[in-house]
Amino acid sequence: MMYQAKKRSVITALVLLTIWPMAHHVIVRALDLNPWKWFGWSMYTVPPQRVRAFAFSLDDQRLLDLSGLPRREAQRLMQAYDDFSSLRLEFGPRVEPDGFAAALLAAFPEVTGVSIYIQRLGVDRATATVVEQSLTDPPYTYRRNDLFE
């Protein structure tokens, strides 16, 4: 009897290990999740993805420049960006840049609002090249009055 239980356990484990890579790939593609997460082998089909964010002032549509910020403020802003981008990579477009926008508005008190464009760099399977896969259109828009009420 012990042999039969072990045999069933081994067969069940082998079936699960055989099915999971395919299921993981389907889940990752369907939900736009990070293929390098969720205990799967879909990660071997693409290099690690990267997220870039571009923040513009709503006042004059200029790109917000971090080089003029004090070091401590720039570090705080980069931490907010890193937190957002890591969550965005893992959970996909369901993660919005609310915390990053709040940090931007705190770092740039002269602007009344920001618009944030998100870009993901990934592999185009047809050409096997790294391309910009998505740029939010319309962008995420945050007004100071809406966030700090």
N, C-alpha and C. Protein backbone atom coordinates (compact mmCIF):
# COMPACT_ATOMS: atom_id res chain seq x y z
N MET A 1 0.82 -1.20 0.00
CA MET A 1 0.00 0.00 0.00
C MET A 1 0.86 1.26 0.00
N MET A 2 1.97 1.25 0.72
CA MET A 2 2.84 2.41 0.79
C MET A 2 3.43 2.72 -0.58
N TYR A 3 3.77 1.68 -1.34
CA TYR A 3 4.32 1.85 -2.67
C TYR A 3 3.33 2.55 -3.59
N GLN A 4 2.06 2.18 -3.54
CA GLN A 4 1.04 2.78 -4.39
C GLN A 4 0.86 4.27 -4.07
N ALA A 5 0.91 4.64 -2.79
CA ALA A 5 0.77 6.04 -2.40
C ALA A 5 1.95 6.86 -2.91
N LYS A 6 3.15 6.32 -2.79
CA LYS A 6 4.33 7.03 -3.29
C LYS A 6 4.27 7.17 -4.81
N LYS A 7 3.85 6.11 -5.46
CA LYS A 7 3.75 6.13 -6.92
C LYS A 7 2.75 7.19 -7.37
N ARG A 8 1.58 7.27 -6.71
CA ARG A 8 0.58 8.28 -7.03
C ARG A 8 1.13 9.69 -6.79
N SER A 9 1.84 9.87 -5.71
CA SER A 9 2.42 11.18 -5.39
C SER A 9 3.43 11.61 -6.45
N VAL A 10 4.27 10.70 -6.88
CA VAL A 10 5.27 11.01 -7.90
C VAL A 10 4.60 11.33 -9.23
N ILE A 11 3.61 10.54 -9.61
CA ILE A 11 2.91 10.79 -10.87
C ILE A 11 2.18 12.13 -10.83
N THR A 12 1.53 12.44 -9.70
CA THR A 12 0.84 13.73 -9.56
C THR A 12 1.83 14.89 -9.67
N ALA A 13 2.97 14.77 -9.02
CA ALA A 13 3.99 15.82 -9.08
C ALA A 13 4.50 15.99 -10.51
N LEU A 14 4.74 14.90 -11.21
CA LEU A 14 5.21 14.99 -12.59
C LEU A 14 4.18 15.62 -13.51
N VAL A 15 2.91 15.29 -13.32
CA VAL A 15 1.85 15.88 -14.13
C VAL A 15 1.79 17.39 -13.88
N LEU A 16 1.83 17.78 -12.60
CA LEU A 16 1.78 19.21 -12.28
C LEU A 16 2.99 19.96 -12.84
N LEU A 17 4.17 19.37 -12.71
CA LEU A 17 5.37 20.01 -13.25
C LEU A 17 5.37 20.07 -14.77
N THR A 18 4.64 19.18 -15.40
CA THR A 18 4.52 19.20 -16.85
C THR A 18 3.52 20.24 -17.32
N ILE A 19 2.42 20.38 -16.60
CA ILE A 19 1.36 21.29 -17.00
C ILE A 19 1.64 22.74 -16.60
N TRP A 20 2.28 22.95 -15.45
CA TRP A 20 2.45 24.31 -14.92
C TRP A 20 3.17 25.27 -15.88
N PRO A 21 4.26 24.90 -16.55
CA PRO A 21 4.90 25.87 -17.46
C PRO A 21 3.95 26.41 -18.53
N MET A 22 3.15 25.54 -19.08
CA MET A 22 2.20 25.99 -20.11
C MET A 22 1.11 26.87 -19.49
N ALA A 23 0.61 26.45 -18.33
CA ALA A 23 -0.42 27.25 -17.66
C ALA A 23 0.14 28.60 -17.24
N HIS A 24 1.36 28.62 -16.73
CA HIS A 24 2.00 29.86 -16.32
C HIS A 24 2.12 30.81 -17.50
N HIS A 25 2.54 30.29 -18.63
CA HIS A 25 2.69 31.13 -19.83
C HIS A 25 1.35 31.73 -20.24
N VAL A 26 0.30 30.94 -20.22
CA VAL A 26 -1.03 31.43 -20.59
C VAL A 26 -1.51 32.49 -19.60
N ILE A 27 -1.31 32.26 -18.31
CA ILE A 27 -1.74 33.21 -17.28
C ILE A 27 -0.98 34.52 -17.42
N VAL A 28 0.33 34.43 -17.62
CA VAL A 28 1.17 35.64 -17.77
C VAL A 28 0.72 36.46 -18.96
N ARG A 29 0.47 35.81 -20.08
CA ARG A 29 0.05 36.54 -21.29
C ARG A 29 -1.34 37.13 -21.13
N ALA A 30 -2.25 36.36 -20.52
CA ALA A 30 -3.64 36.82 -20.40
C ALA A 30 -3.78 37.98 -19.43
N LEU A 31 -3.05 37.96 -18.31
CA LEU A 31 -3.18 38.99 -17.29
C LEU A 31 -2.09 40.05 -17.36
N ASP A 32 -1.18 39.93 -18.33
CA ASP A 32 -0.08 40.87 -18.51
C ASP A 32 0.75 40.98 -17.23
N LEU A 33 1.08 39.83 -16.66
CA LEU A 33 1.91 39.77 -15.46
C LEU A 33 3.37 39.63 -15.84
N ASN A 34 4.24 39.80 -14.87
CA ASN A 34 5.66 39.67 -15.08
C ASN A 34 6.01 38.19 -15.25
N PRO A 35 6.59 37.79 -16.38
CA PRO A 35 6.91 36.38 -16.58
C PRO A 35 8.04 35.89 -15.67
N TRP A 36 8.73 36.80 -15.01
CA TRP A 36 9.80 36.41 -14.11
C TRP A 36 9.29 36.14 -12.69
N LYS A 37 8.00 36.21 -12.51
CA LYS A 37 7.40 35.98 -11.18
C LYS A 37 6.42 34.82 -11.24
N TRP A 38 5.89 34.50 -10.10
CA TRP A 38 4.81 33.53 -9.96
C TRP A 38 5.24 32.09 -10.21
N PHE A 39 6.48 31.77 -9.86
CA PHE A 39 6.97 30.40 -9.89
C PHE A 39 6.68 29.69 -11.20
N GLY A 40 7.19 30.24 -12.25
CA GLY A 40 6.96 29.61 -13.54
C GLY A 40 8.18 29.70 -14.41
N TRP A 41 8.09 29.07 -15.54
CA TRP A 41 9.20 29.04 -16.47
C TRP A 41 8.95 29.91 -17.68
N SER A 42 7.92 30.69 -17.66
CA SER A 42 7.66 31.59 -18.76
C SER A 42 8.73 32.67 -18.83
N MET A 43 9.48 32.85 -17.75
CA MET A 43 10.54 33.85 -17.73
C MET A 43 11.62 33.55 -18.75
N TYR A 44 11.78 32.29 -19.11
CA TYR A 44 12.83 31.94 -20.05
C TYR A 44 12.47 32.30 -21.49
N THR A 45 11.27 32.79 -21.70
CA THR A 45 10.86 33.17 -23.05
C THR A 45 11.15 34.63 -23.37
N VAL A 46 11.43 35.46 -22.36
CA VAL A 46 11.70 36.88 -22.58
C VAL A 46 12.75 37.39 -21.60
N PRO A 47 13.51 38.42 -21.98
CA PRO A 47 14.43 39.04 -21.01
C PRO A 47 13.61 39.83 -20.00
N PRO A 48 14.22 40.21 -18.87
CA PRO A 48 13.49 41.00 -17.88
C PRO A 48 12.96 42.29 -18.49
N GLN A 49 11.74 42.64 -18.13
CA GLN A 49 11.14 43.87 -18.65
C GLN A 49 11.59 45.07 -17.83
N ARG A 50 11.45 46.24 -18.41
CA ARG A 50 11.78 47.48 -17.74
C ARG A 50 10.63 48.45 -17.92
N VAL A 51 10.43 49.29 -16.92
CA VAL A 51 9.39 50.32 -16.98
C VAL A 51 10.07 51.68 -16.91
N ARG A 52 9.59 52.58 -17.76
CA ARG A 52 10.06 53.97 -17.70
C ARG A 52 8.84 54.86 -17.57
N ALA A 53 9.01 55.93 -16.83
CA ALA A 53 7.92 56.89 -16.65
C ALA A 53 8.44 58.28 -17.04
N PHE A 54 7.60 59.01 -17.73
CA PHE A 54 7.91 60.39 -18.13
C PHE A 54 6.86 61.29 -17.51
N ALA A 55 7.31 62.27 -16.74
CA ALA A 55 6.38 63.16 -16.05
C ALA A 55 6.48 64.57 -16.64
N PHE A 56 5.31 65.11 -16.95
CA PHE A 56 5.23 66.44 -17.55
C PHE A 56 4.37 67.34 -16.67
N SER A 57 4.70 68.61 -16.64
CA SER A 57 3.90 69.60 -15.93
C SER A 57 2.62 69.86 -16.72
N LEU A 58 1.50 69.94 -16.04
CA LEU A 58 0.25 70.29 -16.72
C LEU A 58 0.20 71.77 -17.08
N ASP A 59 1.02 72.58 -16.40
CA ASP A 59 1.01 74.02 -16.65
C ASP A 59 1.55 74.38 -18.03
N ASP A 60 2.75 73.87 -18.34
CA ASP A 60 3.40 74.25 -19.59
C ASP A 60 3.87 73.05 -20.42
N GLN A 61 3.46 71.85 -20.05
CA GLN A 61 3.79 70.61 -20.77
C GLN A 61 5.29 70.34 -20.85
N ARG A 62 6.07 70.88 -19.93
CA ARG A 62 7.51 70.61 -19.94
C ARG A 62 7.79 69.32 -19.16
N LEU A 63 8.83 68.63 -19.60
CA LEU A 63 9.28 67.43 -18.90
C LEU A 63 9.89 67.86 -17.58
N LEU A 64 9.47 67.24 -16.49
CA LEU A 64 10.00 67.62 -15.18
C LEU A 64 11.42 67.08 -15.04
N ASP A 65 12.35 67.97 -14.70
CA ASP A 65 13.77 67.65 -14.64
C ASP A 65 14.19 67.44 -13.19
N LEU A 66 14.71 66.26 -12.89
CA LEU A 66 15.11 65.94 -11.51
C LEU A 66 16.48 66.46 -11.15
N SER A 67 17.26 66.90 -12.14
CA SER A 67 18.64 67.30 -11.87
C SER A 67 18.74 68.53 -10.97
N GLY A 68 17.73 69.37 -10.95
CA GLY A 68 17.78 70.57 -10.13
C GLY A 68 17.27 70.38 -8.71
N LEU A 69 16.82 69.20 -8.38
CA LEU A 69 16.27 68.95 -7.05
C LEU A 69 17.38 68.72 -6.03
N PRO A 70 17.13 69.11 -4.77
CA PRO A 70 18.08 68.76 -3.71
C PRO A 70 18.23 67.23 -3.63
N ARG A 71 19.39 66.79 -3.19
CA ARG A 71 19.69 65.36 -3.19
C ARG A 71 18.66 64.53 -2.42
N ARG A 72 18.29 64.98 -1.24
CA ARG A 72 17.34 64.23 -0.41
C ARG A 72 15.98 64.11 -1.11
N GLU A 73 15.53 65.19 -1.72
CA GLU A 73 14.24 65.19 -2.43
C GLU A 73 14.31 64.27 -3.65
N ALA A 74 15.43 64.32 -4.37
CA ALA A 74 15.60 63.44 -5.54
C ALA A 74 15.61 61.97 -5.11
N GLN A 75 16.23 61.67 -3.99
CA GLN A 75 16.25 60.28 -3.50
C GLN A 75 14.85 59.81 -3.11
N ARG A 76 14.10 60.69 -2.47
CA ARG A 76 12.72 60.35 -2.10
C ARG A 76 11.86 60.10 -3.34
N LEU A 77 12.06 60.91 -4.34
CA LEU A 77 11.31 60.77 -5.59
C LEU A 77 11.71 59.47 -6.31
N MET A 78 12.99 59.17 -6.34
CA MET A 78 13.44 57.93 -6.98
C MET A 78 12.94 56.70 -6.22
N GLN A 79 12.83 56.79 -4.90
CA GLN A 79 12.29 55.67 -4.13
C GLN A 79 10.82 55.44 -4.48
N ALA A 80 10.07 56.53 -4.61
CA ALA A 80 8.66 56.41 -5.01
C ALA A 80 8.55 55.81 -6.41
N TYR A 81 9.45 56.22 -7.30
CA TYR A 81 9.45 55.67 -8.66
C TYR A 81 9.80 54.18 -8.65
N ASP A 82 10.83 53.82 -7.88
CA ASP A 82 11.23 52.41 -7.80
C ASP A 82 10.10 51.54 -7.24
N ASP A 83 9.42 52.05 -6.22
CA ASP A 83 8.29 51.30 -5.65
C ASP A 83 7.20 51.09 -6.70
N PHE A 84 6.87 52.15 -7.41
CA PHE A 84 5.85 52.04 -8.45
C PHE A 84 6.28 51.09 -9.56
N SER A 85 7.50 51.26 -10.07
CA SER A 85 7.92 50.46 -11.23
C SER A 85 8.03 48.98 -10.88
N SER A 86 8.47 48.65 -9.67
CA SER A 86 8.55 47.22 -9.32
C SER A 86 7.16 46.61 -9.21
N LEU A 87 6.21 47.36 -8.64
CA LEU A 87 4.84 46.85 -8.58
C LEU A 87 4.22 46.76 -9.97
N ARG A 88 4.50 47.75 -10.81
CA ARG A 88 3.95 47.76 -12.17
C ARG A 88 4.48 46.58 -12.98
N LEU A 89 5.77 46.27 -12.81
CA LEU A 89 6.34 45.13 -13.52
C LEU A 89 5.72 43.82 -13.07
N GLU A 90 5.46 43.73 -11.78
CA GLU A 90 4.94 42.46 -11.26
C GLU A 90 3.46 42.28 -11.56
N PHE A 91 2.66 43.33 -11.40
CA PHE A 91 1.21 43.19 -11.52
C PHE A 91 0.61 43.83 -12.77
N GLY A 92 1.43 44.43 -13.60
CA GLY A 92 0.94 44.95 -14.87
C GLY A 92 0.19 46.27 -14.75
N PRO A 93 -0.63 46.58 -15.75
CA PRO A 93 -1.27 47.89 -15.85
C PRO A 93 -2.32 48.18 -14.78
N ARG A 94 -2.62 47.21 -13.95
CA ARG A 94 -3.58 47.47 -12.87
C ARG A 94 -2.98 48.36 -11.78
N VAL A 95 -1.65 48.52 -11.77
CA VAL A 95 -0.97 49.37 -10.79
C VAL A 95 -0.84 50.77 -11.38
N GLU A 96 -1.43 51.75 -10.71
CA GLU A 96 -1.38 53.14 -11.18
C GLU A 96 -0.33 53.91 -10.39
N PRO A 97 0.23 54.96 -10.96
CA PRO A 97 1.34 55.68 -10.33
C PRO A 97 0.91 56.74 -9.30
N ASP A 98 -0.05 56.43 -8.45
CA ASP A 98 -0.56 57.42 -7.49
C ASP A 98 0.54 57.91 -6.54
N GLY A 99 1.29 56.98 -5.94
CA GLY A 99 2.35 57.37 -5.00
C GLY A 99 3.46 58.16 -5.67
N PHE A 100 3.80 57.77 -6.88
CA PHE A 100 4.82 58.48 -7.64
C PHE A 100 4.34 59.89 -7.97
N ALA A 101 3.07 60.03 -8.34
CA ALA A 101 2.51 61.35 -8.65
C ALA A 101 2.52 62.25 -7.41
N ALA A 102 2.18 61.68 -6.26
CA ALA A 102 2.20 62.47 -5.03
C ALA A 102 3.62 62.94 -4.71
N ALA A 103 4.60 62.07 -4.93
CA ALA A 103 5.99 62.45 -4.69
C ALA A 103 6.44 63.52 -5.69
N LEU A 104 6.00 63.42 -6.93
CA LEU A 104 6.33 64.45 -7.92
C LEU A 104 5.76 65.81 -7.53
N LEU A 105 4.51 65.81 -7.13
CA LEU A 105 3.88 67.08 -6.74
C LEU A 105 4.51 67.67 -5.48
N ALA A 106 4.99 66.80 -4.59
CA ALA A 106 5.69 67.30 -3.40
C ALA A 106 7.06 67.87 -3.78
N ALA A 107 7.71 67.26 -4.76
CA ALA A 107 9.04 67.71 -5.18
C ALA A 107 9.00 68.96 -6.04
N PHE A 108 7.89 69.16 -6.73
CA PHE A 108 7.74 70.33 -7.61
C PHE A 108 6.52 71.13 -7.16
N PRO A 109 6.66 71.93 -6.10
CA PRO A 109 5.50 72.65 -5.56
C PRO A 109 4.97 73.75 -6.48
N GLU A 110 5.74 74.13 -7.49
CA GLU A 110 5.30 75.20 -8.38
C GLU A 110 4.32 74.72 -9.45
N VAL A 111 4.20 73.42 -9.67
CA VAL A 111 3.29 72.93 -10.71
C VAL A 111 1.92 72.61 -10.11
N THR A 112 0.89 72.83 -10.90
CA THR A 112 -0.47 72.56 -10.41
C THR A 112 -0.89 71.12 -10.63
N GLY A 113 -0.15 70.41 -11.50
CA GLY A 113 -0.47 69.02 -11.77
C GLY A 113 0.57 68.39 -12.66
N VAL A 114 0.50 67.07 -12.76
CA VAL A 114 1.44 66.33 -13.61
C VAL A 114 0.68 65.34 -14.48
N SER A 115 1.25 65.07 -15.63
CA SER A 115 0.77 63.97 -16.46
C SER A 115 1.93 62.98 -16.58
N ILE A 116 1.62 61.71 -16.40
CA ILE A 116 2.64 60.68 -16.37
C ILE A 116 2.38 59.68 -17.50
N TYR A 117 3.37 59.51 -18.35
CA TYR A 117 3.33 58.51 -19.41
C TYR A 117 4.17 57.32 -18.96
N ILE A 118 3.63 56.13 -19.10
CA ILE A 118 4.33 54.92 -18.71
C ILE A 118 4.71 54.16 -19.97
N GLN A 119 5.95 53.72 -20.01
CA GLN A 119 6.45 52.97 -21.15
C GLN A 119 7.08 51.68 -20.63
N ARG A 120 6.78 50.59 -21.29
CA ARG A 120 7.38 49.32 -20.92
C ARG A 120 8.24 48.85 -22.08
N LEU A 121 9.46 48.48 -21.78
CA LEU A 121 10.35 47.96 -22.79
C LEU A 121 10.31 46.44 -22.71
N GLY A 122 10.12 45.81 -23.85
CA GLY A 122 10.05 44.36 -23.88
C GLY A 122 10.40 43.85 -25.26
N VAL A 123 10.21 42.57 -25.47
CA VAL A 123 10.60 41.94 -26.72
C VAL A 123 9.41 41.84 -27.65
N ASP A 124 9.62 42.30 -28.89
CA ASP A 124 8.64 42.07 -29.95
C ASP A 124 8.94 40.68 -30.50
N ARG A 125 8.02 39.76 -30.32
CA ARG A 125 8.27 38.37 -30.70
C ARG A 125 8.45 38.20 -32.21
N ALA A 126 7.85 39.04 -33.01
CA ALA A 126 7.96 38.90 -34.46
C ALA A 126 9.36 39.24 -34.95
N THR A 127 9.96 40.30 -34.37
CA THR A 127 11.27 40.74 -34.85
C THR A 127 12.41 40.37 -33.90
N ALA A 128 12.08 39.88 -32.70
CA ALA A 128 13.07 39.52 -31.68
C ALA A 128 13.95 40.71 -31.30
N THR A 129 13.35 41.90 -31.24
CA THR A 129 14.07 43.09 -30.82
C THR A 129 13.37 43.71 -29.61
N VAL A 130 14.13 44.48 -28.85
CA VAL A 130 13.56 45.19 -27.70
C VAL A 130 12.87 46.44 -28.22
N VAL A 131 11.60 46.59 -27.87
CA VAL A 131 10.81 47.72 -28.35
C VAL A 131 10.00 48.32 -27.20
N GLU A 132 9.51 49.53 -27.43
CA GLU A 132 8.58 50.16 -26.50
C GLU A 132 7.24 49.46 -26.68
N GLN A 133 6.79 48.76 -25.65
CA GLN A 133 5.57 47.98 -25.80
C GLN A 133 4.31 48.75 -25.50
N SER A 134 4.38 49.69 -24.60
CA SER A 134 3.16 50.44 -24.32
C SER A 134 3.52 51.82 -23.79
N LEU A 135 2.80 52.76 -24.24
CA LEU A 135 2.92 54.13 -23.76
C LEU A 135 1.50 54.55 -23.44
N THR A 136 1.26 54.89 -22.21
CA THR A 136 -0.11 55.19 -21.81
C THR A 136 -0.67 56.34 -22.62
N ASP A 137 -1.80 56.13 -23.18
CA ASP A 137 -2.46 57.15 -23.97
C ASP A 137 -3.96 57.01 -23.74
N PRO A 138 -4.61 57.87 -23.07
CA PRO A 138 -4.10 59.12 -22.52
C PRO A 138 -3.23 58.85 -21.29
N PRO A 139 -2.41 59.83 -20.90
CA PRO A 139 -1.54 59.65 -19.74
C PRO A 139 -2.35 59.69 -18.43
N TYR A 140 -1.70 59.25 -17.37
CA TYR A 140 -2.30 59.44 -16.04
C TYR A 140 -2.16 60.91 -15.70
N THR A 141 -3.24 61.53 -15.27
CA THR A 141 -3.22 62.96 -14.95
C THR A 141 -3.56 63.15 -13.48
N TYR A 142 -2.73 63.92 -12.79
CA TYR A 142 -2.94 64.19 -11.37
C TYR A 142 -2.86 65.69 -11.14
N ARG A 143 -3.87 66.22 -10.49
CA ARG A 143 -3.88 67.64 -10.12
C ARG A 143 -3.64 67.75 -8.63
N ARG A 144 -2.90 68.78 -8.25
CA ARG A 144 -2.54 68.97 -6.86
C ARG A 144 -3.78 69.01 -5.94
N ASN A 145 -4.83 69.68 -6.39
CA ASN A 145 -6.04 69.79 -5.57
C ASN A 145 -6.68 68.43 -5.33
N ASP A 146 -6.60 67.53 -6.32
CA ASP A 146 -7.21 66.22 -6.18
C ASP A 146 -6.46 65.34 -5.19
N LEU A 147 -5.12 65.43 -5.18
CA LEU A 147 -4.33 64.55 -4.33
C LEU A 147 -4.17 65.07 -2.91
N PHE A 148 -4.14 66.39 -2.73
CA PHE A 148 -3.84 66.96 -1.42
C PHE A 148 -5.06 67.65 -0.82
N GLU A 149 -6.19 67.00 -0.84
CA GLU A 149 -7.39 67.58 -0.20
C GLU A 149 -7.61 66.96 1.14
